[in-house]
Every structure is written in structure tokens, then in C-alpha cells.
PDB file of N, CA and C in Angstrom:
ATOM      1  N   MET A   1      39.969 -32.313  48.130  1.00  0.00           N
ATOM      2  CA  MET A   1      39.842 -33.632  47.695  1.00  0.00           C
ATOM      3  C   MET A   1      38.558 -34.208  48.079  1.00  0.00           C
ATOM      4  N   SER A   2      38.050 -34.289  49.305  1.00  0.00           N
ATOM      5  CA  SER A   2      37.056 -35.103  49.720  1.00  0.00           C
ATOM      6  C   SER A   2      35.736 -34.407  48.921  1.00  0.00           C
ATOM      7  N   LEU A   3      35.836 -33.316  48.319  1.00  0.00           N
ATOM      8  CA  LEU A   3      34.411 -32.820  47.560  1.00  0.00           C
ATOM      9  C   LEU A   3      34.350 -33.763  46.340  1.00  0.00           C
ATOM     10  N   ILE A   4      35.646 -33.859  45.830  1.00  0.00           N
ATOM     11  CA  ILE A   4      35.828 -34.667  44.498  1.00  0.00           C
ATOM     12  C   ILE A   4      35.201 -35.989  44.735  1.00  0.00           C
ATOM     13  N   LEU A   5      35.585 -36.518  45.689  1.00  0.00           N
ATOM     14  CA  LEU A   5      35.330 -38.028  45.960  1.00  0.00           C
ATOM     15  C   LEU A   5      33.839 -38.113  46.265  1.00  0.00           C
ATOM     16  N   SER A   6      33.401 -37.009  46.959  1.00  0.00           N
ATOM     17  CA  SER A   6      32.027 -37.129  47.629  1.00  0.00           C
ATOM     18  C   SER A   6      31.115 -36.867  46.247  1.00  0.00           C
ATOM     19  N   LYS A   7      31.323 -36.325  45.268  1.00  0.00           N
ATOM     20  CA  LYS A   7      30.353 -35.991  44.188  1.00  0.00           C
ATOM     21  C   LYS A   7      29.914 -37.197  43.857  1.00  0.00           C
ATOM     22  N   GLU A   8      30.397 -38.449  43.586  1.00  0.00           N
ATOM     23  CA  GLU A   8      29.708 -39.534  43.187  1.00  0.00           C
ATOM     24  C   GLU A   8      29.021 -40.045  44.114  1.00  0.00           C
ATOM     25  N   ASN A   9      28.986 -39.901  45.151  1.00  0.00           N
ATOM     26  CA  ASN A   9      28.033 -40.592  46.186  1.00  0.00           C
ATOM     27  C   ASN A   9      28.294 -39.523  47.668  1.00  0.00           C
ATOM     28  N   PRO A  10      27.594 -38.329  47.329  1.00  0.00           N
ATOM     29  CA  PRO A  10      27.417 -37.330  48.377  1.00  0.00           C
ATOM     30  C   PRO A  10      26.746 -37.947  49.596  1.00  0.00           C
ATOM     31  N   GLN A  11      27.071 -37.287  50.659  1.00  0.00           N
ATOM     32  CA  GLN A  11      26.777 -37.925  51.961  1.00  0.00           C
ATOM     33  C   GLN A  11      25.244 -37.027  52.107  1.00  0.00           C
ATOM     34  N   LEU A  12      24.274 -38.009  52.475  1.00  0.00           N
ATOM     35  CA  LEU A  12      22.800 -37.827  52.498  1.00  0.00           C
ATOM     36  C   LEU A  12      22.382 -37.469  53.813  1.00  0.00           C
ATOM     37  N   VAL A  13      21.396 -36.889  54.319  1.00  0.00           N
ATOM     38  CA  VAL A  13      20.587 -36.420  55.184  1.00  0.00           C
ATOM     39  C   VAL A  13      19.900 -37.664  55.410  1.00  0.00           C
ATOM     40  N   ARG A  14      19.886 -38.103  56.963  1.00  0.00           N
ATOM     41  CA  ARG A  14      19.106 -39.309  57.299  1.00  0.00           C
ATOM     42  C   ARG A  14      17.590 -39.329  56.682  1.00  0.00           C
ATOM     43  N   ASN A  15      17.271 -40.649  56.062  1.00  0.00           N
ATOM     44  CA  ASN A  15      16.087 -40.644  55.382  1.00  0.00           C
ATOM     45  C   ASN A  15      15.558 -39.862  54.179  1.00  0.00           C
ATOM     46  N   ALA A  16      16.712 -39.315  53.833  1.00  0.00           N
ATOM     47  CA  ALA A  16      16.290 -38.587  52.430  1.00  0.00           C
ATOM     48  C   ALA A  16      16.469 -39.130  51.103  1.00  0.00           C
ATOM     49  N   PRO A  17      15.632 -38.978  50.213  1.00  0.00           N
ATOM     50  CA  PRO A  17      15.618 -39.424  49.124  1.00  0.00           C
ATOM     51  C   PRO A  17      17.046 -39.030  48.121  1.00  0.00           C
ATOM     52  N   PRO A  18      17.653 -39.767  47.575  1.00  0.00           N
ATOM     53  CA  PRO A  18      18.839 -39.448  46.797  1.00  0.00           C
ATOM     54  C   PRO A  18      18.669 -38.204  45.974  1.00  0.00           C
ATOM     55  N   VAL A  19      17.944 -37.827  45.457  1.00  0.00           N
ATOM     56  CA  VAL A  19      17.999 -36.743  44.342  1.00  0.00           C
ATOM     57  C   VAL A  19      17.947 -35.300  45.891  1.00  0.00           C
ATOM     58  N   ALA A  20      17.199 -35.479  46.653  1.00  0.00           N
ATOM     59  CA  ALA A  20      16.795 -34.074  47.767  1.00  0.00           C
ATOM     60  C   ALA A  20      18.289 -34.275  48.499  1.00  0.00           C
ATOM     61  N   GLY A  21      18.627 -35.681  48.827  1.00  0.00           N
ATOM     62  CA  GLY A  21      20.068 -35.543  49.628  1.00  0.00           C
ATOM     63  C   GLY A  21      21.234 -35.120  49.007  1.00  0.00           C
ATOM     64  N   ALA A  22      21.013 -35.395  47.405  1.00  0.00           N
ATOM     65  CA  ALA A  22      22.472 -34.686  46.612  1.00  0.00           C
ATOM     66  C   ALA A  22      22.131 -33.070  46.461  1.00  0.00           C
ATOM     67  N   ILE A  23      21.102 -32.709  46.405  1.00  0.00           N
ATOM     68  CA  ILE A  23      20.866 -31.031  46.458  1.00  0.00           C
ATOM     69  C   ILE A  23      20.978 -30.671  47.509  1.00  0.00           C
ATOM     70  N   HIS A  24      20.616 -31.239  48.729  1.00  0.00           N
ATOM     71  CA  HIS A  24      20.800 -30.665  49.880  1.00  0.00           C
ATOM     72  C   HIS A  24      22.320 -30.577  50.239  1.00  0.00           C
ATOM     73  N   TRP A  25      23.213 -31.809  49.815  1.00  0.00           N
ATOM     74  CA  TRP A  25      24.505 -31.727  50.059  1.00  0.00           C
ATOM     75  C   TRP A  25      25.318 -30.570  49.311  1.00  0.00           C
ATOM     76  N   SER A  26      24.532 -30.540  47.982  1.00  0.00           N
ATOM     77  CA  SER A  26      25.342 -29.242  46.924  1.00  0.00           C
ATOM     78  C   SER A  26      25.258 -27.645  47.554  1.00  0.00           C
ATOM     79  N   ARG A  27      23.979 -27.879  48.376  1.00  0.00           N
ATOM     80  CA  ARG A  27      23.449 -26.426  48.600  1.00  0.00           C
ATOM     81  C   ARG A  27      24.159 -26.161  50.480  1.00  0.00           C
ATOM     82  N   GLN A  28      24.634 -27.085  50.929  1.00  0.00           N
ATOM     83  CA  GLN A  28      25.226 -26.949  52.222  1.00  0.00           C
ATOM     84  C   GLN A  28      26.491 -26.467  51.946  1.00  0.00           C
ATOM     85  N   LEU A  29      27.373 -27.278  50.826  1.00  0.00           N
ATOM     86  CA  LEU A  29      28.512 -26.942  50.703  1.00  0.00           C
ATOM     87  C   LEU A  29      28.769 -25.374  50.284  1.00  0.00           C
ATOM     88  N   LEU A  30      27.941 -25.202  49.057  1.00  0.00           N
ATOM     89  CA  LEU A  30      27.974 -23.864  48.668  1.00  0.00           C
ATOM     90  C   LEU A  30      27.466 -22.709  49.509  1.00  0.00           C
ATOM     91  N   LYS A  31      26.513 -22.979  50.605  1.00  0.00           N
ATOM     92  CA  LYS A  31      26.585 -21.882  51.762  1.00  0.00           C
ATOM     93  C   LYS A  31      27.764 -21.778  52.682  1.00  0.00           C
ATOM     94  N   ARG A  32      28.579 -23.148  52.814  1.00  0.00           N
ATOM     95  CA  ARG A  32      29.756 -22.948  53.775  1.00  0.00           C
ATOM     96  C   ARG A  32      30.744 -22.176  52.995  1.00  0.00           C
ATOM     97  N   ILE A  33      30.854 -21.995  51.576  1.00  0.00           N
ATOM     98  CA  ILE A  33      31.910 -21.157  51.111  1.00  0.00           C
ATOM     99  C   ILE A  33      31.177 -19.583  50.713  1.00  0.00           C
ATOM    100  N   GLU A  34      30.058 -19.676  50.734  1.00  0.00           N
ATOM    101  CA  GLU A  34      29.431 -18.234  50.576  1.00  0.00           C
ATOM    102  C   GLU A  34      29.654 -17.181  51.624  1.00  0.00           C
ATOM    103  N   ASP A  35      29.392 -17.909  52.754  1.00  0.00           N
ATOM    104  CA  ASP A  35      29.672 -17.183  53.951  1.00  0.00           C
ATOM    105  C   ASP A  35      31.103 -16.512  54.108  1.00  0.00           C
ATOM    106  N   PRO A  36      31.946 -17.070  54.045  1.00  0.00           N
ATOM    107  CA  PRO A  36      33.258 -16.447  54.184  1.00  0.00           C
ATOM    108  C   PRO A  36      33.612 -15.348  53.267  1.00  0.00           C
ATOM    109  N   MET A  37      33.260 -16.007  52.000  1.00  0.00           N
ATOM    110  CA  MET A  37      33.563 -14.739  50.687  1.00  0.00           C
ATOM    111  C   MET A  37      32.622 -13.460  51.016  1.00  0.00           C
ATOM    112  N   LYS A  38      31.521 -13.388  51.738  1.00  0.00           N
ATOM    113  CA  LYS A  38      30.705 -12.202  52.049  1.00  0.00           C
ATOM    114  C   LYS A  38      31.668 -11.385  52.997  1.00  0.00           C
ATOM    115  N   VAL A  39      32.189 -12.048  53.833  1.00  0.00           N
ATOM    116  CA  VAL A  39      33.062 -11.536  54.740  1.00  0.00           C
ATOM    117  C   VAL A  39      34.236 -10.874  54.144  1.00  0.00           C
ATOM    118  N   PHE A  40      35.158 -11.832  53.212  1.00  0.00           N
ATOM    119  CA  PHE A  40      36.200 -11.201  52.804  1.00  0.00           C
ATOM    120  C   PHE A  40      35.780 -10.177  51.609  1.00  0.00           C
ATOM    121  N   ARG A  41      34.747  -9.943  50.946  1.00  0.00           N
ATOM    122  CA  ARG A  41      34.552  -9.077  50.042  1.00  0.00           C
ATOM    123  C   ARG A  41      34.217  -7.658  50.622  1.00  0.00           C
ATOM    124  N   ASP A  42      33.571  -7.899  51.960  1.00  0.00           N
ATOM    125  CA  ASP A  42      33.390  -6.754  52.680  1.00  0.00           C
ATOM    126  C   ASP A  42      34.638  -5.970  53.458  1.00  0.00           C
ATOM    127  N   ASN A  43      35.818  -6.816  53.596  1.00  0.00           N
ATOM    128  CA  ASN A  43      36.826  -6.325  54.299  1.00  0.00           C
ATOM    129  C   ASN A  43      37.961  -5.962  53.227  1.00  0.00           C
ATOM    130  N   LYS A  44      38.170  -4.551  53.418  1.00  0.00           N
ATOM    131  CA  LYS A  44      38.952  -3.854  52.184  1.00  0.00           C
ATOM    132  C   LYS A  44      40.540  -4.602  52.320  1.00  0.00           C
ATOM    133  N   ALA A  45      40.952  -4.646  53.498  1.00  0.00           N
ATOM    134  CA  ALA A  45      42.428  -5.126  53.926  1.00  0.00           C
ATOM    135  C   ALA A  45      42.419  -6.425  52.882  1.00  0.00           C
ATOM    136  N   ILE A  46      41.431  -7.325  53.078  1.00  0.00           N
ATOM    137  CA  ILE A  46      41.517  -8.696  52.138  1.00  0.00           C
ATOM    138  C   ILE A  46      41.390  -8.440  50.948  1.00  0.00           C
ATOM    139  N   THR A  47      40.479  -7.716  50.408  1.00  0.00           N
ATOM    140  CA  THR A  47      40.300  -7.599  48.947  1.00  0.00           C
ATOM    141  C   THR A  47      41.904  -6.961  48.102  1.00  0.00           C
ATOM    142  N   GLN A  48      42.411  -6.212  49.066  1.00  0.00           N
ATOM    143  CA  GLN A  48      43.590  -5.512  48.366  1.00  0.00           C
ATOM    144  C   GLN A  48      44.928  -6.528  48.261  1.00  0.00           C
ATOM    145  N   LEU A  49      44.954  -7.746  48.944  1.00  0.00           N
ATOM    146  CA  LEU A  49      45.800  -8.802  48.775  1.00  0.00           C
ATOM    147  C   LEU A  49      45.736  -9.262  47.569  1.00  0.00           C
ATOM    148  N   GLY A  50      47.391  -9.429  47.389  1.00  0.00           N
ATOM    149  CA  GLY A  50      47.638  -9.958  45.894  1.00  0.00           C
ATOM    150  C   GLY A  50      46.840 -11.341  45.547  1.00  0.00           C
ATOM    151  N   ASP A  51      46.485 -12.096  46.289  1.00  0.00           N
ATOM    152  CA  ASP A  51      45.848 -13.376  46.036  1.00  0.00           C
ATOM    153  C   ASP A  51      44.409 -13.511  46.140  1.00  0.00           C
ATOM    154  N   PHE A  52      43.832 -12.258  46.401  1.00  0.00           N
ATOM    155  CA  PHE A  52      42.679 -12.361  46.377  1.00  0.00           C
ATOM    156  C   PHE A  52      41.727 -12.700  45.137  1.00  0.00           C
ATOM    157  N   GLY A  53      42.327 -11.968  44.054  1.00  0.00           N
ATOM    158  CA  GLY A  53      41.864 -12.568  42.709  1.00  0.00           C
ATOM    159  C   GLY A  53      41.612 -13.923  42.252  1.00  0.00           C
ATOM    160  N   ARG A  54      42.943 -14.716  42.744  1.00  0.00           N
ATOM    161  CA  ARG A  54      42.970 -16.140  42.603  1.00  0.00           C
ATOM    162  C   ARG A  54      41.988 -16.720  43.461  1.00  0.00           C
ATOM    163  N   ILE A  55      41.779 -16.198  44.556  1.00  0.00           N
ATOM    164  CA  ILE A  55      40.707 -16.903  45.635  1.00  0.00           C
ATOM    165  C   ILE A  55      39.448 -16.874  45.002  1.00  0.00           C
ATOM    166  N   VAL A  56      38.950 -15.649  44.252  1.00  0.00           N
ATOM    167  CA  VAL A  56      37.836 -15.471  44.001  1.00  0.00           C
ATOM    168  C   VAL A  56      37.520 -16.289  42.589  1.00  0.00           C
ATOM    169  N   LYS A  57      38.480 -16.525  41.895  1.00  0.00           N
ATOM    170  CA  LYS A  57      38.518 -17.131  40.724  1.00  0.00           C
ATOM    171  C   LYS A  57      38.087 -19.051  41.181  1.00  0.00           C
ATOM    172  N   ILE A  58      38.828 -19.262  42.248  1.00  0.00           N
ATOM    173  CA  ILE A  58      38.526 -20.350  42.431  1.00  0.00           C
ATOM    174  C   ILE A  58      37.014 -20.651  43.464  1.00  0.00           C
ATOM    175  N   TYR A  59      36.713 -19.630  43.995  1.00  0.00           N
ATOM    176  CA  TYR A  59      35.303 -19.697  44.541  1.00  0.00           C
ATOM    177  C   TYR A  59      34.401 -19.608  43.423  1.00  0.00           C
ATOM    178  N   ASN A  60      34.472 -18.826  42.328  1.00  0.00           N
ATOM    179  CA  ASN A  60      33.613 -19.046  41.350  1.00  0.00           C
ATOM    180  C   ASN A  60      33.410 -20.286  40.549  1.00  0.00           C
ATOM    181  N   ARG A  61      34.557 -20.918  40.417  1.00  0.00           N
ATOM    182  CA  ARG A  61      34.725 -22.074  40.014  1.00  0.00           C
ATOM    183  C   ARG A  61      34.197 -23.085  40.613  1.00  0.00           C
ATOM    184  N   LEU A  62      34.104 -23.211  41.891  1.00  0.00           N
ATOM    185  CA  LEU A  62      33.537 -24.067  42.785  1.00  0.00           C
ATOM    186  C   LEU A  62      32.104 -23.995  42.875  1.00  0.00           C
ATOM    187  N   ALA A  63      31.677 -22.453  42.949  1.00  0.00           N
ATOM    188  CA  ALA A  63      30.185 -22.382  42.881  1.00  0.00           C
ATOM    189  C   ALA A  63      29.501 -22.572  41.781  1.00  0.00           C
ATOM    190  N   THR A  64      30.129 -22.476  40.914  1.00  0.00           N
ATOM    191  CA  THR A  64      29.623 -23.031  39.347  1.00  0.00           C
ATOM    192  C   THR A  64      29.397 -24.340  39.283  1.00  0.00           C
ATOM    193  N   ALA A  65      30.345 -24.922  39.850  1.00  0.00           N
ATOM    194  CA  ALA A  65      30.251 -26.679  39.821  1.00  0.00           C
ATOM    195  C   ALA A  65      29.049 -27.230  40.687  1.00  0.00           C
ATOM    196  N   LEU A  66      28.973 -26.560  41.795  1.00  0.00           N
ATOM    197  CA  LEU A  66      27.882 -26.874  42.742  1.00  0.00           C
ATOM    198  C   LEU A  66      26.594 -26.609  42.139  1.00  0.00           C
ATOM    199  N   VAL A  67      26.464 -25.432  41.715  1.00  0.00           N
ATOM    200  CA  VAL A  67      24.910 -25.004  41.029  1.00  0.00           C
ATOM    201  C   VAL A  67      25.023 -26.193  40.037  1.00  0.00           C
ATOM    202  N   THR A  68      25.795 -26.285  39.143  1.00  0.00           N
ATOM    203  CA  THR A  68      25.694 -27.277  38.003  1.00  0.00           C
ATOM    204  C   THR A  68      25.525 -28.557  38.534  1.00  0.00           C
ATOM    205  N   PHE A  69      26.147 -29.062  39.507  1.00  0.00           N
ATOM    206  CA  PHE A  69      25.673 -30.583  40.000  1.00  0.00           C
ATOM    207  C   PHE A  69      24.337 -30.383  40.775  1.00  0.00           C
ATOM    208  N   GLU A  70      23.642 -29.415  41.101  1.00  0.00           N
ATOM    209  CA  GLU A  70      22.419 -29.472  41.613  1.00  0.00           C
ATOM    210  C   GLU A  70      21.478 -29.346  40.519  1.00  0.00           C
ATOM    211  N   SER A  71      21.723 -28.600  39.382  1.00  0.00           N
ATOM    212  CA  SER A  71      21.037 -28.552  38.185  1.00  0.00           C
ATOM    213  C   SER A  71      20.740 -29.935  37.583  1.00  0.00           C
ATOM    214  N   LEU A  72      21.793 -30.779  37.538  1.00  0.00           N
ATOM    215  CA  LEU A  72      21.957 -31.939  36.899  1.00  0.00           C
ATOM    216  C   LEU A  72      20.748 -32.985  37.578  1.00  0.00           C
ATOM    217  N   TRP A  73      21.007 -33.012  38.919  1.00  0.00           N
ATOM    218  CA  TRP A  73      20.287 -33.782  39.597  1.00  0.00           C
ATOM    219  C   TRP A  73      18.843 -33.716  39.468  1.00  0.00           C
ATOM    220  N   PHE A  74      18.539 -32.383  39.404  1.00  0.00           N
ATOM    221  CA  PHE A  74      17.275 -31.819  39.137  1.00  0.00           C
ATOM    222  C   PHE A  74      16.408 -32.286  37.734  1.00  0.00           C
ATOM    223  N   THR A  75      17.366 -32.060  36.890  1.00  0.00           N
ATOM    224  CA  THR A  75      16.770 -32.180  35.568  1.00  0.00           C
ATOM    225  C   THR A  75      16.616 -33.680  35.467  1.00  0.00           C
ATOM    226  N   GLN A  76      17.402 -34.698  36.147  1.00  0.00           N
ATOM    227  CA  GLN A  76      17.218 -36.063  36.061  1.00  0.00           C
ATOM    228  C   GLN A  76      16.149 -36.510  36.705  1.00  0.00           C
ATOM    229  N   TRP A  77      16.001 -35.960  37.717  1.00  0.00           N
ATOM    230  CA  TRP A  77      14.680 -35.921  38.330  1.00  0.00           C
ATOM    231  C   TRP A  77      13.565 -35.632  37.934  1.00  0.00           C
ATOM    232  N   LYS A  78      13.327 -34.831  37.157  1.00  0.00           N
ATOM    233  CA  LYS A  78      12.448 -34.289  36.149  1.00  0.00           C
ATOM    234  C   LYS A  78      11.989 -35.366  35.113  1.00  0.00           C
ATOM    235  N   ALA A  79      13.023 -35.818  34.687  1.00  0.00           N
ATOM    236  CA  ALA A  79      12.983 -36.587  33.453  1.00  0.00           C
ATOM    237  C   ALA A  79      12.159 -38.021  33.981  1.00  0.00           C
ATOM    238  N   ARG A  80      12.418 -38.408  35.189  1.00  0.00           N
ATOM    239  CA  ARG A  80      11.956 -39.368  35.907  1.00  0.00           C
ATOM    240  C   ARG A  80      10.675 -39.438  36.340  1.00  0.00           C
ATOM    241  N   ILE A  81      10.120 -38.306  36.135  1.00  0.00           N
ATOM    242  CA  ILE A  81       8.536 -37.916  36.812  1.00  0.00           C
ATOM    243  C   ILE A  81       7.614 -38.688  35.712  1.00  0.00           C
ATOM    244  N   ASP A  82       7.857 -38.613  34.549  1.00  0.00           N
ATOM    245  CA  ASP A  82       6.803 -39.398  33.700  1.00  0.00           C
ATOM    246  C   ASP A  82       6.649 -40.799  33.543  1.00  0.00           C
ATOM    247  N   ASN A  83       7.747 -41.396  33.955  1.00  0.00           N
ATOM    248  CA  ASN A  83       7.782 -42.724  34.042  1.00  0.00           C
ATOM    249  C   ASN A  83       7.006 -42.910  35.540  1.00  0.00           C
ATOM    250  N   ALA A  84       7.269 -42.236  36.439  1.00  0.00           N
ATOM    251  CA  ALA A  84       6.363 -42.642  37.681  1.00  0.00           C
ATOM    252  C   ALA A  84       5.091 -42.371  37.725  1.00  0.00           C
ATOM    253  N   ARG A  85       4.537 -41.348  36.719  1.00  0.00           N
ATOM    254  CA  ARG A  85       3.129 -41.041  36.541  1.00  0.00           C
ATOM    255  C   ARG A  85       2.327 -41.851  35.610  1.00  0.00           C
ATOM    256  N   ASN A  86       3.317 -42.777  34.799  1.00  0.00           N
ATOM    257  CA  ASN A  86       2.688 -43.988  34.045  1.00  0.00           C
ATOM    258  C   ASN A  86       2.497 -45.027  35.149  1.00  0.00           C
ATOM    259  N   GLY A  87       3.700 -45.223  35.733  1.00  0.00           N
ATOM    260  CA  GLY A  87       3.157 -46.056  36.961  1.00  0.00           C
ATOM    261  C   GLY A  87       2.010 -45.799  38.046  1.00  0.00           C
ATOM    262  N   LEU A  88       1.837 -44.698  38.242  1.00  0.00           N
ATOM    263  CA  LEU A  88       0.476 -44.572  39.063  1.00  0.00           C
ATOM    264  C   LEU A  88      -0.800 -44.536  38.101  1.00  0.00           C
ATOM    265  N   ARG A  89      -0.865 -44.815  37.038  1.00  0.00           N
ATOM    266  CA  ARG A  89      -1.906 -44.723  36.337  1.00  0.00           C
ATOM    267  C   ARG A  89      -2.435 -46.116  35.683  1.00  0.00           C
ATOM    268  N   ALA A  90      -1.423 -47.008  36.376  1.00  0.00           N
ATOM    269  CA  ALA A  90      -1.542 -48.504  36.083  1.00  0.00           C
ATOM    270  C   ALA A  90      -2.887 -49.052  37.167  1.00  0.00           C
ATOM    271  N   THR A  91      -3.586 -50.007  36.433  1.00  0.00           N
ATOM    272  CA  THR A  91      -4.659 -50.521  37.157  1.00  0.00           C
ATOM    273  C   THR A  91      -4.160 -51.135  38.499  1.00  0.00           C
ATOM    274  N   LEU A  92      -4.603 -51.145  39.404  1.00  0.00           N
ATOM    275  CA  LEU A  92      -4.226 -51.784  40.778  1.00  0.00           C
ATOM    276  C   LEU A  92      -4.621 -53.073  40.914  1.00  0.00           C
ATOM    277  N   PHE A  93      -5.939 -53.403  40.623  1.00  0.00           N
ATOM    278  CA  PHE A  93      -6.401 -54.919  40.765  1.00  0.00           C
ATOM    279  C   PHE A  93      -6.702 -55.265  39.325  1.00  0.00           C
ATOM    280  N   VAL A  94      -6.245 -56.645  39.074  1.00  0.00           N
ATOM    281  CA  VAL A  94      -6.331 -57.121  37.799  1.00  0.00           C
ATOM    282  C   VAL A  94      -6.836 -58.538  37.919  1.00  0.00           C
ATOM    283  N   HIS A  95      -7.620 -59.131  36.872  1.00  0.00           N
ATOM    284  CA  HIS A  95      -7.872 -60.481  36.944  1.00  0.00           C
ATOM    285  C   HIS A  95      -6.560 -61.446  36.348  1.00  0.00           C
ATOM    286  N   HIS A  96      -6.402 -62.346  37.334  1.00  0.00           N
ATOM    287  CA  HIS A  96      -5.238 -63.073  37.000  1.00  0.00           C
ATOM    288  C   HIS A  96      -5.837 -64.023  36.056  1.00  0.00           C
ATOM    289  N   PRO A  97      -4.981 -64.237  34.706  1.00  0.00           N
ATOM    290  CA  PRO A  97      -5.467 -64.824  33.277  1.00  0.00           C
ATOM    291  C   PRO A  97      -5.588 -66.289  33.485  1.00  0.00           C
ATOM    292  N   ILE A  98      -5.163 -66.875  34.422  1.00  0.00           N
ATOM    293  CA  ILE A  98      -5.117 -68.517  34.508  1.00  0.00           C
ATOM    294  C   ILE A  98      -6.519 -68.662  35.576  1.00  0.00           C
ATOM    295  N   THR A  99      -6.060 -68.231  36.953  1.00  0.00           N
ATOM    296  CA  THR A  99      -7.087 -68.381  38.157  1.00  0.00           C
ATOM    297  C   THR A  99      -8.433 -67.654  38.169  1.00  0.00           C
ATOM    298  N   ASN A 100      -8.263 -66.500  37.454  1.00  0.00           N
ATOM    299  CA  ASN A 100      -9.395 -65.710  37.088  1.00  0.00           C
ATOM    300  C   ASN A 100      -9.758 -64.911  38.498  1.00  0.00           C
ATOM    301  N   GLU A 101      -8.501 -64.948  39.517  1.00  0.00           N
ATOM    302  CA  GLU A 101      -8.609 -64.382  40.843  1.00  0.00           C
ATOM    303  C   GLU A 101      -8.357 -62.746  40.631  1.00  0.00           C
ATOM    304  N   ILE A 102      -8.931 -61.819  41.275  1.00  0.00           N
ATOM    305  CA  ILE A 102      -8.384 -60.511  41.652  1.00  0.00           C
ATOM    306  C   ILE A 102      -7.043 -60.619  42.239  1.00  0.00           C
ATOM    307  N   VAL A 103      -5.847 -60.017  41.728  1.00  0.00           N
ATOM    308  CA  VAL A 103      -4.913 -59.813  42.362  1.00  0.00           C
ATOM    309  C   VAL A 103      -4.433 -58.361  42.436  1.00  0.00           C
ATOM    310  N   VAL A 104      -3.180 -58.326  43.032  1.00  0.00           N
ATOM    311  CA  VAL A 104      -2.878 -56.663  43.015  1.00  0.00           C
ATOM    312  C   VAL A 104      -1.656 -56.595  42.093  1.00  0.00           C
ATOM    313  N   ASN A 105      -1.893 -55.687  41.004  1.00  0.00           N
ATOM    314  CA  ASN A 105      -0.723 -55.393  40.073  1.00  0.00           C
ATOM    315  C   ASN A 105       0.666 -54.596  40.492  1.00  0.00           C
ATOM    316  N   ALA A 106       1.368 -55.682  41.372  1.00  0.00           N
ATOM    317  CA  ALA A 106       2.373 -54.799  41.968  1.00  0.00           C
ATOM    318  C   ALA A 106       3.582 -54.944  41.144  1.00  0.00           C
ATOM    319  N   ASP A 107       3.867 -54.129  40.448  1.00  0.00           N
ATOM    320  CA  ASP A 107       4.863 -53.807  39.359  1.00  0.00           C
ATOM    321  C   ASP A 107       6.259 -53.113  40.314  1.00  0.00           C
ATOM    322  N   GLU A 108       7.004 -53.762  40.444  1.00  0.00           N
ATOM    323  CA  GLU A 108       8.445 -53.092  41.150  1.00  0.00           C
ATOM    324  C   GLU A 108       8.868 -51.872  40.672  1.00  0.00           C
ATOM    325  N   ARG A 109       8.684 -51.436  39.418  1.00  0.00           N
ATOM    326  CA  ARG A 109       9.010 -49.933  39.051  1.00  0.00           C
ATOM    327  C   ARG A 109       7.951 -49.056  39.369  1.00  0.00           C
TER     328      ARG A 109
END
């Protein structure tokens, strides 16, 4: 239940940017479910249990959701790079049109 609630606002590593923090969150969750699944897969007693197929389906669904979550964050980040590049190309010092003083072109974007 907490996974579903956290996907909208994942817990971020201290001082991490939002995109890197969200990707880190999803990778850590994926690692936390992968390690036990490797142990289960190698243990024949567990793989022969009747519920093992259901567990594998749940694992696959959750792993796919986490990888998709990471991919979406990364794709959104790549789309924003062009806007950031345009901001970096802007002139840093400009003449004020009225006072004709040199001022810093501080655009919030």
C-alpha cells in the first residue's frame, strides 16, 4: 500500500534533485525485491510450491511497474533539457532599456 502512495511523491535522498531522487527510489525498491527472488529461484523447494507461479507474476508486474516509472521520469527529464539549454544560451548581461545600465539578465526559468 505504501508503494502506491509513494509513487506520486517518492522519498528522496537528502539533497537529491527530484528526477535523480525518483529514479533512485525506484531502483532501490527493485533491488529490494530482486534479491529475495534470486534466492527463491535457486531453491527448488520454494519453486515447487503451488503459490510460486502467483508470486512470480506479482514480482514481474511490480518490476515492470518500477522500470516503467524510472523510464517515464528519465524521458521527462530529457524533454526538459532543451529548455535548460536555451536558458543557458541567453545573454547574461544586458543594457536596461530605460536607464541604459548594465544589468544581469536573471530569468527565473
